[in-house]
C-alpha atoms as a PDB file:
ATOM      1  CA  MET A   1      11.962 -18.042-220.413  1.00  0.00           C
ATOM      2  CA  LEU A   2      14.026 -18.200-223.617  1.00  0.00           C
ATOM      3  CA  ASP A   3      11.145 -17.556-226.042  1.00  0.00           C
ATOM      4  CA  PHE A   4      13.044 -14.690-227.679  1.00  0.00           C
ATOM      5  CA  LEU A   5      15.791 -17.061-228.862  1.00  0.00           C
ATOM      6  CA  PHE A   6      13.428 -19.357-230.732  1.00  0.00           C
ATOM      7  CA  THR A   7      11.479 -17.056-233.031  1.00  0.00           C
ATOM      8  CA  ALA A   8      11.403 -19.090-236.215  1.00  0.00           C
ATOM      9  CA  ILE A   9       8.102 -20.964-236.580  1.00  0.00           C
ATOM     10  CA  ASP A  10       6.441 -22.954-239.346  1.00  0.00           C
ATOM     11  CA  ASP A  11       4.054 -20.264-240.549  1.00  0.00           C
ATOM     12  CA  ARG A  12       3.232 -21.649-243.969  1.00  0.00           C
ATOM     13  CA  VAL A  13      -0.406 -22.013-244.930  1.00  0.00           C
ATOM     14  CA  ILE A  14      -1.318 -25.685-244.718  1.00  0.00           C
ATOM     15  CA  ASP A  15      -3.471 -27.320-247.365  1.00  0.00           C
ATOM     16  CA  PHE A  16      -4.536 -30.583-245.732  1.00  0.00           C
ATOM     17  CA  GLU A  17      -5.545 -32.144-249.057  1.00  0.00           C
ATOM     18  CA  THR A  18      -2.019 -31.838-250.506  1.00  0.00           C
ATOM     19  CA  LEU A  19       0.080 -31.877-247.326  1.00  0.00           C
ATOM     20  CA  LYS A  20       3.014 -34.270-247.344  1.00  0.00           C
ATOM     21  CA  LEU A  21       4.760 -35.139-244.120  1.00  0.00           C
ATOM     22  CA  HIS A  22       8.528 -34.815-243.849  1.00  0.00           C
ATOM     23  CA  GLU A  23      10.815 -37.614-242.634  1.00  0.00           C
ATOM     24  CA  LYS A  24      11.341 -36.285-239.090  1.00  0.00           C
ATOM     25  CA  PRO A  25       9.221 -37.723-236.278  1.00  0.00           C
ATOM     26  CA  ASN A  26       8.562 -34.315-234.707  1.00  0.00           C
ATOM     27  CA  GLN A  27       5.059 -34.004-236.159  1.00  0.00           C
ATOM     28  CA  TYR A  28       1.632 -35.494-235.660  1.00  0.00           C
ATOM     29  CA  LEU A  29      -1.275 -35.522-238.142  1.00  0.00           C
ATOM     30  CA  VAL A  30      -4.939 -36.269-237.544  1.00  0.00           C
ATOM     31  CA  LEU A  31      -7.227 -36.404-240.599  1.00  0.00           C
ATOM     32  CA  PRO A  32     -10.874 -37.245-241.257  1.00  0.00           C
ATOM     33  CA  GLU A  33     -11.826 -39.899-243.779  1.00  0.00           C
ATOM     34  CA  GLY A  34     -11.376 -38.564-247.283  1.00  0.00           C
ATOM     35  CA  GLU A  35      -8.980 -37.824-250.086  1.00  0.00           C
ATOM     36  CA  PHE A  36      -5.708 -36.638-248.584  1.00  0.00           C
ATOM     37  CA  ALA A  37      -2.131 -36.987-249.866  1.00  0.00           C
ATOM     38  CA  ALA A  38      -0.685 -37.845-246.457  1.00  0.00           C
ATOM     39  CA  ALA A  39      -1.386 -40.897-244.324  1.00  0.00           C
ATOM     40  CA  PRO A  40      -2.446 -39.657-240.880  1.00  0.00           C
ATOM     41  CA  HIS A  41      -1.086 -40.861-237.550  1.00  0.00           C
ATOM     42  CA  GLN A  42      -4.677 -40.967-236.317  1.00  0.00           C
ATOM     43  CA  SER A  43      -8.197 -40.673-237.807  1.00  0.00           C
ATOM     44  CA  SER A  44     -10.361 -37.766-236.757  1.00  0.00           C
ATOM     45  CA  PRO A  45     -13.540 -38.403-234.817  1.00  0.00           C
ATOM     46  CA  VAL A  46     -16.856 -37.450-236.352  1.00  0.00           C
ATOM     47  CA  LEU A  47     -18.730 -35.490-233.671  1.00  0.00           C
ATOM     48  CA  ASN A  48     -22.475 -34.993-233.332  1.00  0.00           C
ATOM     49  CA  VAL A  49     -22.311 -31.193-233.203  1.00  0.00           C
ATOM     50  CA  SER A  50     -22.542 -28.447-235.776  1.00  0.00           C
ATOM     51  CA  ILE A  51     -19.329 -27.074-237.183  1.00  0.00           C
ATOM     52  CA  GLU A  52     -19.953 -23.800-235.339  1.00  0.00           C
ATOM     53  CA  GLU A  53     -20.287 -25.588-232.007  1.00  0.00           C
ATOM     54  CA  LEU A  54     -17.150 -27.639-232.748  1.00  0.00           C
ATOM     55  CA  LYS A  55     -15.151 -24.491-233.502  1.00  0.00           C
ATOM     56  CA  LYS A  56     -16.450 -22.824-230.314  1.00  0.00           C
ATOM     57  CA  GLN A  57     -15.649 -25.790-228.048  1.00  0.00           C
ATOM     58  CA  PHE A  58     -12.230 -26.385-229.614  1.00  0.00           C
ATOM     59  CA  SER A  59     -11.309 -22.709-229.256  1.00  0.00           C
ATOM     60  CA  GLU A  60     -12.252 -22.742-225.565  1.00  0.00           C
ATOM     61  CA  ILE A  61     -10.064 -25.800-224.953  1.00  0.00           C
ATOM     62  CA  VAL A  62      -7.069 -24.254-226.725  1.00  0.00           C
ATOM     63  CA  GLU A  63      -7.499 -20.950-224.915  1.00  0.00           C
ATOM     64  CA  ASN A  64      -7.117 -22.787-221.597  1.00  0.00           C
ATOM     65  CA  GLN A  65      -3.727 -24.250-222.574  1.00  0.00           C
ATOM     66  CA  ASP A  66      -0.471 -22.675-221.425  1.00  0.00           C
ATOM     67  CA  LYS A  67       1.591 -20.538-223.788  1.00  0.00           C
ATOM     68  CA  VAL A  68      -0.760 -20.757-226.801  1.00  0.00           C
ATOM     69  CA  GLU A  69      -1.491 -17.912-229.148  1.00  0.00           C
ATOM     70  CA  VAL A  70      -3.432 -17.640-232.406  1.00  0.00           C
ATOM     71  CA  LEU A  71      -1.063 -17.111-235.310  1.00  0.00           C
ATOM     72  CA  ARG A  72      -3.684 -16.820-238.063  1.00  0.00           C
ATOM     73  CA  THR A  73      -7.313 -17.557-238.935  1.00  0.00           C
ATOM     74  CA  SER A  74      -8.276 -18.264-242.559  1.00  0.00           C
ATOM     75  CA  ASP A  75     -10.569 -15.910-244.422  1.00  0.00           C
ATOM     76  CA  ASP A  76     -13.372 -18.479-244.346  1.00  0.00           C
ATOM     77  CA  GLY A  77     -12.890 -19.021-240.594  1.00  0.00           C
ATOM     78  CA  GLN A  78     -12.558 -22.783-240.990  1.00  0.00           C
ATOM     79  CA  GLN A  79      -8.787 -23.013-240.388  1.00  0.00           C
ATOM     80  CA  VAL A  80      -6.771 -21.698-237.458  1.00  0.00           C
ATOM     81  CA  ASP A  81      -3.027 -21.756-236.850  1.00  0.00           C
ATOM     82  CA  TYR A  82      -1.735 -21.700-233.282  1.00  0.00           C
ATOM     83  CA  VAL A  83       1.738 -21.507-231.747  1.00  0.00           C
ATOM     84  CA  GLN A  84       2.386 -23.180-228.411  1.00  0.00           C
ATOM     85  CA  ARG A  85       5.763 -22.772-226.694  1.00  0.00           C
ATOM     86  CA  THR A  86       7.371 -25.336-224.418  1.00  0.00           C
ATOM     87  CA  ALA A  87       7.383 -24.458-220.751  1.00  0.00           C
ATOM     88  CA  PHE A  88      11.058 -23.876-220.014  1.00  0.00           C
ATOM     89  CA  MET A  89      12.959 -23.374-223.252  1.00  0.00           C
ATOM     90  CA  GLY A  90      10.170 -21.721-225.215  1.00  0.00           C
ATOM     91  CA  TYR A  91      10.532 -23.881-228.334  1.00  0.00           C
ATOM     92  CA  PRO A  92       7.657 -23.050-230.688  1.00  0.00           C
ATOM     93  CA  ASP A  93       5.324 -25.763-232.029  1.00  0.00           C
ATOM     94  CA  THR A  94       2.820 -24.843-234.706  1.00  0.00           C
ATOM     95  CA  ILE A  95      -0.632 -26.426-234.709  1.00  0.00           C
ATOM     96  CA  THR A  96      -2.984 -26.063-237.649  1.00  0.00           C
ATOM     97  CA  VAL A  97      -6.638 -27.013-237.301  1.00  0.00           C
ATOM     98  CA  ARG A  98      -9.255 -27.184-240.052  1.00  0.00           C
ATOM     99  CA  PHE A  99     -12.937 -27.762-239.349  1.00  0.00           C
ATOM    100  CA  TYR A 100     -15.200 -29.762-241.690  1.00  0.00           C
ATOM    101  CA  SER A 101     -18.961 -29.916-241.720  1.00  0.00           C
ATOM    102  CA  GLN A 102     -20.439 -33.404-242.059  1.00  0.00           C
ATOM    103  CA  GLY A 103     -24.001 -32.170-242.243  1.00  0.00           C
ATOM    104  CA  GLU A 104     -26.215 -29.921-240.122  1.00  0.00           C
ATOM    105  CA  ASP A 105     -25.422 -31.571-236.774  1.00  0.00           C
ATOM    106  CA  SER A 106     -22.157 -33.403-237.483  1.00  0.00           C
ATOM    107  CA  SER A 107     -18.607 -32.197-237.952  1.00  0.00           C
ATOM    108  CA  THR A 108     -14.985 -33.217-237.787  1.00  0.00           C
ATOM    109  CA  LEU A 109     -11.524 -31.658-237.908  1.00  0.00           C
ATOM    110  CA  ALA A 110      -7.986 -32.080-239.186  1.00  0.00           C
ATOM    111  CA  ILE A 111      -5.021 -31.242-236.948  1.00  0.00           C
ATOM    112  CA  TYR A 112      -1.360 -30.942-237.849  1.00  0.00           C
ATOM    113  CA  SER A 113       1.020 -30.317-234.944  1.00  0.00           C
ATOM    114  CA  ARG A 114       4.732 -29.928-235.637  1.00  0.00           C
ATOM    115  CA  SER A 115       7.902 -28.736-233.965  1.00  0.00           C
ATOM    116  CA  SER A 116       9.996 -25.970-235.470  1.00  0.00           C
ATOM    117  CA  TYR A 117      13.239 -27.191-233.914  1.00  0.00           C
ATOM    118  CA  GLY A 118      14.940 -30.516-233.500  1.00  0.00           C
ATOM    119  CA  TYR A 119      14.556 -33.952-235.034  1.00  0.00           C
ATOM    120  CA  SER A 120      12.461 -35.666-232.400  1.00  0.00           C
ATOM    121  CA  ASP A 121       9.840 -34.155-230.172  1.00  0.00           C
ATOM    122  CA  LEU A 122       9.766 -37.109-227.763  1.00  0.00           C
ATOM    123  CA  GLY A 123       6.071 -37.508-228.484  1.00  0.00           C
ATOM    124  CA  ALA A 124       5.076 -33.958-227.477  1.00  0.00           C
ATOM    125  CA  ASN A 125       2.962 -33.256-230.583  1.00  0.00           C
ATOM    126  CA  GLN A 126       1.006 -36.520-230.234  1.00  0.00           C
ATOM    127  CA  GLU A 127       0.547 -35.931-226.521  1.00  0.00           C
ATOM    128  CA  ARG A 128      -0.749 -32.399-227.158  1.00  0.00           C
ATOM    129  CA  ILE A 129      -3.246 -33.497-229.798  1.00  0.00           C
ATOM    130  CA  SER A 130      -4.434 -36.462-227.741  1.00  0.00           C
ATOM    131  CA  LEU A 131      -5.006 -34.157-224.782  1.00  0.00           C
ATOM    132  CA  TRP A 132      -6.915 -31.609-226.920  1.00  0.00           C
ATOM    133  CA  LEU A 133      -9.078 -34.310-228.581  1.00  0.00           C
ATOM    134  CA  ASP A 134      -9.822 -35.983-225.249  1.00  0.00           C
ATOM    135  CA  SER A 135     -10.790 -32.628-223.745  1.00  0.00           C
ATOM    136  CA  LEU A 136     -12.968 -31.882-226.765  1.00  0.00           C
ATOM    137  CA  LYS A 137     -14.797 -35.204-226.529  1.00  0.00           C
ATOM    138  CA  SER A 138     -15.321 -34.697-222.788  1.00  0.00           C
ATOM    139  CA  SER A 139     -16.628 -31.162-223.243  1.00  0.00           C
ATOM    140  CA  LEU A 140     -19.089 -32.306-225.891  1.00  0.00           C
ATOM    141  CA  ALA A 141     -20.241 -35.292-223.847  1.00  0.00           C
ATOM    142  CA  THR A 142     -21.048 -33.151-220.796  1.00  0.00           C
ATOM    143  CA  PRO A 143     -24.504 -31.542-221.004  1.00  0.00           C
ATOM    144  CA  ASP A 144     -24.733 -27.847-220.258  1.00  0.00           C
ATOM    145  CA  GLN A 145     -26.001 -27.113-216.784  1.00  0.00           C
END
């Protein structure tokens, strides 16, 4: 409804290896095991699918969410930035996802979801990422029919 008022978004390119979280609680970070500067709020699952299948399934889940648009895809296709706006006020949250291969049939991902406005997000970023990861695990656990 008021999307036009809240146009400023966090559109910086995120480097997960060097990312440092700010002091505000309006962010949520999920990282795989590895060498990262930031301590994640949650560890990423390692999934028994190829990186291409992971990207495909994740994209389908995000496309089915309300008020989400792709902001940018990296040149290598392994990182995608999304913007999702809140239902009523239209506050923008930016979500960056990077996909990592763990071998031929194994992959994982990093996700950084953050609000552009306010100090607290009342858990909205964590709730979003938990929903997306749960949906991803469910979609990968269900055999194609």
